[in-house]
Amino acid sequence: MNTIAFNLAVLKEANTYYFDDIVFEKEESGNTIPKTPEEKKAILTQALEEWIAAMMDATDGYVKSWDVVNEPG
């Protein structure tokens, strides 16, 4: 169930609002093509490798290790 709220009481005086020809649409963004488990693994692996390399570069060798997964669930 979705809820739509209109806050039209911004002005102190009494107002009447008329709405005509309203259309509600659901818009999906992003890639909606399903990925195989292998494709998902490749995408996530690449993203993690890039992130880890960037973190190591940004810390200039000061960070030797970190807790990557804390209490998975």
PDB file of N, CA and C in Angstrom:
ATOM      1  N   MET A   1       0.840  -1.162   0.000  1.00  0.00           N
ATOM      2  CA  MET A   1       0.000   0.000   0.000  1.00  0.00           C
ATOM      3  C   MET A   1       0.890   1.230   0.000  1.00  0.00           C
ATOM      4  N   ASN A   2       0.607   2.178  -0.865  1.00  0.00           N
ATOM      5  CA  ASN A   2       1.348   3.428  -0.932  1.00  0.00           C
ATOM      6  C   ASN A   2       0.490   4.558  -0.407  1.00  0.00           C
ATOM      7  N   THR A   3       1.133   5.551   0.175  1.00  0.00           N
ATOM      8  CA  THR A   3       0.432   6.706   0.696  1.00  0.00           C
ATOM      9  C   THR A   3       0.941   7.949  -0.001  1.00  0.00           C
ATOM     10  N   ILE A   4       0.034   8.812  -0.381  1.00  0.00           N
ATOM     11  CA  ILE A   4       0.387  10.077  -1.004  1.00  0.00           C
ATOM     12  C   ILE A   4      -0.171  11.182  -0.124  1.00  0.00           C
ATOM     13  N   ALA A   5       0.687  12.124   0.273  1.00  0.00           N
ATOM     14  CA  ALA A   5       0.255  13.219   1.141  1.00  0.00           C
ATOM     15  C   ALA A   5       0.549  14.546   0.462  1.00  0.00           C
ATOM     16  N   PHE A   6      -0.421  15.427   0.480  1.00  0.00           N
ATOM     17  CA  PHE A   6      -0.261  16.772  -0.053  1.00  0.00           C
ATOM     18  C   PHE A   6      -0.332  17.745   1.117  1.00  0.00           C
ATOM     19  N   ASN A   7       0.724  18.497   1.343  1.00  0.00           N
ATOM     20  CA  ASN A   7       0.709  19.521   2.390  1.00  0.00           C
ATOM     21  C   ASN A   7       0.383  20.854   1.722  1.00  0.00           C
ATOM     22  N   LEU A   8      -0.888  21.177   1.665  1.00  0.00           N
ATOM     23  CA  LEU A   8      -1.336  22.390   0.993  1.00  0.00           C
ATOM     24  C   LEU A   8      -1.689  23.495   1.991  1.00  0.00           C
ATOM     25  N   ALA A   9      -1.434  23.282   3.262  1.00  0.00           N
ATOM     26  CA  ALA A   9      -1.800  24.258   4.283  1.00  0.00           C
ATOM     27  C   ALA A   9      -0.625  25.171   4.624  1.00  0.00           C
ATOM     28  N   VAL A  10       0.141  25.571   3.631  1.00  0.00           N
ATOM     29  CA  VAL A  10       1.293  26.426   3.867  1.00  0.00           C
ATOM     30  C   VAL A  10       0.848  27.856   4.173  1.00  0.00           C
ATOM     31  N   LEU A  11      -0.176  28.331   3.477  1.00  0.00           N
ATOM     32  CA  LEU A  11      -0.677  29.689   3.688  1.00  0.00           C
ATOM     33  C   LEU A  11      -1.702  29.691   4.814  1.00  0.00           C
ATOM     34  N   LYS A  12      -1.747  30.790   5.578  1.00  0.00           N
ATOM     35  CA  LYS A  12      -2.653  30.877   6.724  1.00  0.00           C
ATOM     36  C   LYS A  12      -4.108  31.065   6.310  1.00  0.00           C
ATOM     37  N   GLU A  13      -4.362  31.806   5.215  1.00  0.00           N
ATOM     38  CA  GLU A  13      -5.746  32.044   4.797  1.00  0.00           C
ATOM     39  C   GLU A  13      -6.344  30.801   4.137  1.00  0.00           C
ATOM     40  N   ALA A  14      -7.663  30.752   4.088  1.00  0.00           N
ATOM     41  CA  ALA A  14      -8.361  29.610   3.498  1.00  0.00           C
ATOM     42  C   ALA A  14      -8.108  29.580   1.993  1.00  0.00           C
ATOM     43  N   ASN A  15      -7.887  28.403   1.488  1.00  0.00           N
ATOM     44  CA  ASN A  15      -7.619  28.230   0.057  1.00  0.00           C
ATOM     45  C   ASN A  15      -8.433  27.062  -0.473  1.00  0.00           C
ATOM     46  N   THR A  16      -8.731  27.123  -1.749  1.00  0.00           N
ATOM     47  CA  THR A  16      -9.380  26.016  -2.435  1.00  0.00           C
ATOM     48  C   THR A  16      -8.490  25.613  -3.597  1.00  0.00           C
ATOM     49  N   TYR A  17      -8.183  24.352  -3.675  1.00  0.00           N
ATOM     50  CA  TYR A  17      -7.332  23.842  -4.737  1.00  0.00           C
ATOM     51  C   TYR A  17      -8.148  22.894  -5.608  1.00  0.00           C
ATOM     52  N   TYR A  18      -7.973  23.000  -6.902  1.00  0.00           N
ATOM     53  CA  TYR A  18      -8.635  22.119  -7.858  1.00  0.00           C
ATOM     54  C   TYR A  18      -7.561  21.386  -8.659  1.00  0.00           C
ATOM     55  N   PHE A  19      -7.719  20.080  -8.770  1.00  0.00           N
ATOM     56  CA  PHE A  19      -6.786  19.269  -9.539  1.00  0.00           C
ATOM     57  C   PHE A  19      -7.559  18.578 -10.646  1.00  0.00           C
ATOM     58  N   ASP A  20      -6.959  18.555 -11.831  1.00  0.00           N
ATOM     59  CA  ASP A  20      -7.624  17.940 -12.978  1.00  0.00           C
ATOM     60  C   ASP A  20      -6.591  17.149 -13.767  1.00  0.00           C
ATOM     61  N   ASP A  21      -7.014  16.055 -14.325  1.00  0.00           N
ATOM     62  CA  ASP A  21      -6.157  15.224 -15.188  1.00  0.00           C
ATOM     63  C   ASP A  21      -4.874  14.775 -14.487  1.00  0.00           C
ATOM     64  N   ILE A  22      -5.019  14.221 -13.299  1.00  0.00           N
ATOM     65  CA  ILE A  22      -3.859  13.727 -12.556  1.00  0.00           C
ATOM     66  C   ILE A  22      -3.579  12.288 -12.991  1.00  0.00           C
ATOM     67  N   VAL A  23      -2.316  12.011 -13.246  1.00  0.00           N
ATOM     68  CA  VAL A  23      -1.891  10.668 -13.622  1.00  0.00           C
ATOM     69  C   VAL A  23      -0.783  10.247 -12.667  1.00  0.00           C
ATOM     70  N   PHE A  24      -0.938   9.104 -12.049  1.00  0.00           N
ATOM     71  CA  PHE A  24       0.091   8.552 -11.186  1.00  0.00           C
ATOM     72  C   PHE A  24       0.774   7.417 -11.925  1.00  0.00           C
ATOM     73  N   GLU A  25       2.089   7.498 -12.013  1.00  0.00           N
ATOM     74  CA  GLU A  25       2.858   6.470 -12.702  1.00  0.00           C
ATOM     75  C   GLU A  25       4.009   6.023 -11.819  1.00  0.00           C
ATOM     76  N   LYS A  26       4.365   4.771 -11.942  1.00  0.00           N
ATOM     77  CA  LYS A  26       5.516   4.244 -11.226  1.00  0.00           C
ATOM     78  C   LYS A  26       6.674   4.186 -12.216  1.00  0.00           C
ATOM     79  N   GLU A  27       7.760   4.831 -11.862  1.00  0.00           N
ATOM     80  CA  GLU A  27       8.915   4.876 -12.745  1.00  0.00           C
ATOM     81  C   GLU A  27      10.021   4.009 -12.172  1.00  0.00           C
ATOM     82  N   GLU A  28      10.512   3.112 -12.988  1.00  0.00           N
ATOM     83  CA  GLU A  28      11.619   2.268 -12.563  1.00  0.00           C
ATOM     84  C   GLU A  28      12.891   2.795 -13.201  1.00  0.00           C
ATOM     85  N   SER A  29      13.916   2.883 -12.407  1.00  0.00           N
ATOM     86  CA  SER A  29      15.184   3.347 -12.936  1.00  0.00           C
ATOM     87  C   SER A  29      16.218   2.244 -12.805  1.00  0.00           C
ATOM     88  N   GLY A  30      17.256   2.370 -13.568  1.00  0.00           N
ATOM     89  CA  GLY A  30      18.329   1.389 -13.501  1.00  0.00           C
ATOM     90  C   GLY A  30      18.120   0.246 -14.471  1.00  0.00           C
ATOM     91  N   ASN A  31      18.970  -0.727 -14.340  1.00  0.00           N
ATOM     92  CA  ASN A  31      18.948  -1.884 -15.222  1.00  0.00           C
ATOM     93  C   ASN A  31      17.939  -2.894 -14.681  1.00  0.00           C
ATOM     94  N   THR A  32      16.907  -3.168 -15.448  1.00  0.00           N
ATOM     95  CA  THR A  32      15.893  -4.123 -15.000  1.00  0.00           C
ATOM     96  C   THR A  32      16.052  -5.492 -15.651  1.00  0.00           C
ATOM     97  N   ILE A  33      17.148  -5.697 -16.381  1.00  0.00           N
ATOM     98  CA  ILE A  33      17.405  -7.002 -16.990  1.00  0.00           C
ATOM     99  C   ILE A  33      18.033  -7.905 -15.924  1.00  0.00           C
ATOM    100  N   PRO A  34      17.418  -9.048 -15.643  1.00  0.00           N
ATOM    101  CA  PRO A  34      17.966  -9.941 -14.606  1.00  0.00           C
ATOM    102  C   PRO A  34      19.378 -10.415 -14.959  1.00  0.00           C
ATOM    103  N   LYS A  35      20.204 -10.524 -13.950  1.00  0.00           N
ATOM    104  CA  LYS A  35      21.576 -10.995 -14.131  1.00  0.00           C
ATOM    105  C   LYS A  35      21.692 -12.423 -13.601  1.00  0.00           C
ATOM    106  N   THR A  36      22.568 -13.176 -14.225  1.00  0.00           N
ATOM    107  CA  THR A  36      22.847 -14.524 -13.752  1.00  0.00           C
ATOM    108  C   THR A  36      23.727 -14.426 -12.506  1.00  0.00           C
ATOM    109  N   PRO A  37      23.774 -15.478 -11.706  1.00  0.00           N
ATOM    110  CA  PRO A  37      24.667 -15.446 -10.533  1.00  0.00           C
ATOM    111  C   PRO A  37      26.123 -15.166 -10.913  1.00  0.00           C
ATOM    112  N   GLU A  38      26.571 -15.693 -12.052  1.00  0.00           N
ATOM    113  CA  GLU A  38      27.947 -15.461 -12.493  1.00  0.00           C
ATOM    114  C   GLU A  38      28.174 -13.989 -12.839  1.00  0.00           C
ATOM    115  N   GLU A  39      27.188 -13.359 -13.497  1.00  0.00           N
ATOM    116  CA  GLU A  39      27.304 -11.942 -13.833  1.00  0.00           C
ATOM    117  C   GLU A  39      27.313 -11.081 -12.576  1.00  0.00           C
ATOM    118  N   LYS A  40      26.457 -11.423 -11.619  1.00  0.00           N
ATOM    119  CA  LYS A  40      26.424 -10.684 -10.358  1.00  0.00           C
ATOM    120  C   LYS A  40      27.759 -10.794  -9.635  1.00  0.00           C
ATOM    121  N   LYS A  41      28.322 -12.002  -9.606  1.00  0.00           N
ATOM    122  CA  LYS A  41      29.605 -12.213  -8.942  1.00  0.00           C
ATOM    123  C   LYS A  41      30.702 -11.398  -9.611  1.00  0.00           C
ATOM    124  N   ALA A  42      30.731 -11.380 -10.935  1.00  0.00           N
ATOM    125  CA  ALA A  42      31.751 -10.628 -11.663  1.00  0.00           C
ATOM    126  C   ALA A  42      31.631  -9.127 -11.395  1.00  0.00           C
ATOM    127  N   ILE A  43      30.415  -8.612 -11.393  1.00  0.00           N
ATOM    128  CA  ILE A  43      30.185  -7.181 -11.155  1.00  0.00           C
ATOM    129  C   ILE A  43      30.619  -6.805  -9.740  1.00  0.00           C
ATOM    130  N   LEU A  44      30.193  -7.594  -8.743  1.00  0.00           N
ATOM    131  CA  LEU A  44      30.546  -7.298  -7.353  1.00  0.00           C
ATOM    132  C   LEU A  44      32.039  -7.467  -7.086  1.00  0.00           C
ATOM    133  N   THR A  45      32.638  -8.477  -7.675  1.00  0.00           N
ATOM    134  CA  THR A  45      34.071  -8.702  -7.490  1.00  0.00           C
ATOM    135  C   THR A  45      34.869  -7.532  -8.041  1.00  0.00           C
ATOM    136  N   GLN A  46      34.512  -7.068  -9.231  1.00  0.00           N
ATOM    137  CA  GLN A  46      35.210  -5.936  -9.833  1.00  0.00           C
ATOM    138  C   GLN A  46      35.044  -4.673  -8.978  1.00  0.00           C
ATOM    139  N   ALA A  47      33.829  -4.423  -8.502  1.00  0.00           N
ATOM    140  CA  ALA A  47      33.578  -3.238  -7.682  1.00  0.00           C
ATOM    141  C   ALA A  47      34.380  -3.296  -6.382  1.00  0.00           C
ATOM    142  N   LEU A  48      34.429  -4.455  -5.743  1.00  0.00           N
ATOM    143  CA  LEU A  48      35.199  -4.600  -4.504  1.00  0.00           C
ATOM    144  C   LEU A  48      36.693  -4.432  -4.748  1.00  0.00           C
ATOM    145  N   GLU A  49      37.198  -5.015  -5.833  1.00  0.00           N
ATOM    146  CA  GLU A  49      38.621  -4.880  -6.138  1.00  0.00           C
ATOM    147  C   GLU A  49      38.989  -3.420  -6.388  1.00  0.00           C
ATOM    148  N   GLU A  50      38.135  -2.688  -7.111  1.00  0.00           N
ATOM    149  CA  GLU A  50      38.392  -1.271  -7.361  1.00  0.00           C
ATOM    150  C   GLU A  50      38.339  -0.472  -6.059  1.00  0.00           C
ATOM    151  N   TRP A  51      37.368  -0.776  -5.193  1.00  0.00           N
ATOM    152  CA  TRP A  51      37.233  -0.046  -3.925  1.00  0.00           C
ATOM    153  C   TRP A  51      38.432  -0.308  -3.019  1.00  0.00           C
ATOM    154  N   ILE A  52      38.842  -1.565  -2.908  1.00  0.00           N
ATOM    155  CA  ILE A  52      39.982  -1.913  -2.059  1.00  0.00           C
ATOM    156  C   ILE A  52      41.252  -1.248  -2.583  1.00  0.00           C
ATOM    157  N   ALA A  53      41.462  -1.267  -3.899  1.00  0.00           N
ATOM    158  CA  ALA A  53      42.648  -0.624  -4.476  1.00  0.00           C
ATOM    159  C   ALA A  53      42.641   0.874  -4.207  1.00  0.00           C
ATOM    160  N   ALA A  54      41.484   1.503  -4.320  1.00  0.00           N
ATOM    161  CA  ALA A  54      41.386   2.939  -4.052  1.00  0.00           C
ATOM    162  C   ALA A  54      41.628   3.244  -2.580  1.00  0.00           C
ATOM    163  N   MET A  55      41.127   2.392  -1.681  1.00  0.00           N
ATOM    164  CA  MET A  55      41.359   2.593  -0.246  1.00  0.00           C
ATOM    165  C   MET A  55      42.845   2.457   0.088  1.00  0.00           C
ATOM    166  N   MET A  56      43.495   1.480  -0.479  1.00  0.00           N
ATOM    167  CA  MET A  56      44.919   1.290  -0.228  1.00  0.00           C
ATOM    168  C   MET A  56      45.722   2.458  -0.779  1.00  0.00           C
ATOM    169  N   ASP A  57      45.320   2.970  -1.923  1.00  0.00           N
ATOM    170  CA  ASP A  57      46.003   4.125  -2.510  1.00  0.00           C
ATOM    171  C   ASP A  57      45.768   5.372  -1.655  1.00  0.00           C
ATOM    172  N   ALA A  58      44.546   5.557  -1.181  1.00  0.00           N
ATOM    173  CA  ALA A  58      44.205   6.745  -0.389  1.00  0.00           C
ATOM    174  C   ALA A  58      44.896   6.740   0.978  1.00  0.00           C
ATOM    175  N   THR A  59      45.103   5.576   1.563  1.00  0.00           N
ATOM    176  CA  THR A  59      45.725   5.513   2.886  1.00  0.00           C
ATOM    177  C   THR A  59      47.246   5.438   2.802  1.00  0.00           C
ATOM    178  N   ASP A  60      47.767   5.368   1.601  1.00  0.00           N
ATOM    179  CA  ASP A  60      49.209   5.424   1.356  1.00  0.00           C
ATOM    180  C   ASP A  60      49.996   4.427   2.212  1.00  0.00           C
ATOM    181  N   GLY A  61      49.434   3.234   2.391  1.00  0.00           N
ATOM    182  CA  GLY A  61      50.138   2.179   3.113  1.00  0.00           C
ATOM    183  C   GLY A  61      50.006   2.230   4.628  1.00  0.00           C
ATOM    184  N   TYR A  62      49.297   3.234   5.181  1.00  0.00           N
ATOM    185  CA  TYR A  62      49.134   3.316   6.632  1.00  0.00           C
ATOM    186  C   TYR A  62      48.187   2.247   7.154  1.00  0.00           C
ATOM    187  N   VAL A  63      47.206   1.865   6.359  1.00  0.00           N
ATOM    188  CA  VAL A  63      46.271   0.828   6.773  1.00  0.00           C
ATOM    189  C   VAL A  63      46.823  -0.514   6.316  1.00  0.00           C
ATOM    190  N   LYS A  64      46.986  -1.401   7.260  1.00  0.00           N
ATOM    191  CA  LYS A  64      47.518  -2.732   6.951  1.00  0.00           C
ATOM    192  C   LYS A  64      46.402  -3.761   6.835  1.00  0.00           C
ATOM    193  N   SER A  65      45.297  -3.559   7.575  1.00  0.00           N
ATOM    194  CA  SER A  65      44.159  -4.473   7.510  1.00  0.00           C
ATOM    195  C   SER A  65      42.943  -3.766   8.089  1.00  0.00           C
ATOM    196  N   TRP A  66      41.748  -4.295   7.777  1.00  0.00           N
ATOM    197  CA  TRP A  66      40.525  -3.780   8.361  1.00  0.00           C
ATOM    198  C   TRP A  66      39.477  -4.880   8.354  1.00  0.00           C
ATOM    199  N   ASP A  67      38.483  -4.723   9.206  1.00  0.00           N
ATOM    200  CA  ASP A  67      37.399  -5.690   9.328  1.00  0.00           C
ATOM    201  C   ASP A  67      36.417  -5.455   8.199  1.00  0.00           C
ATOM    202  N   VAL A  68      36.466  -6.291   7.178  1.00  0.00           N
ATOM    203  CA  VAL A  68      35.625  -6.099   6.000  1.00  0.00           C
ATOM    204  C   VAL A  68      34.196  -6.516   6.286  1.00  0.00           C
ATOM    205  N   VAL A  69      33.997  -7.651   6.918  1.00  0.00           N
ATOM    206  CA  VAL A  69      32.663  -8.152   7.213  1.00  0.00           C
ATOM    207  C   VAL A  69      32.514  -8.268   8.714  1.00  0.00           C
ATOM    208  N   ASN A  70      31.585  -7.511   9.271  1.00  0.00           N
ATOM    209  CA  ASN A  70      31.366  -7.537  10.703  1.00  0.00           C
ATOM    210  C   ASN A  70      29.970  -8.070  10.965  1.00  0.00           C
ATOM    211  N   GLU A  71      29.887  -9.219  11.542  1.00  0.00           N
ATOM    212  CA  GLU A  71      28.621  -9.853  11.881  1.00  0.00           C
ATOM    213  C   GLU A  71      27.681  -9.986  10.689  1.00  0.00           C
ATOM    214  N   PRO A  72      28.068 -10.783   9.698  1.00  0.00           N
ATOM    215  CA  PRO A  72      27.194 -10.974   8.540  1.00  0.00           C
ATOM    216  C   PRO A  72      25.902 -11.661   8.972  1.00  0.00           C
ATOM    217  N   GLY A  73      24.855 -11.354   8.239  1.00  0.00           N
ATOM    218  CA  GLY A  73      23.665 -12.010   8.696  1.00  0.00           C
ATOM    219  C   GLY A  73      22.605 -12.025   7.731  1.00  0.00           C
TER     220      GLY A  73
END
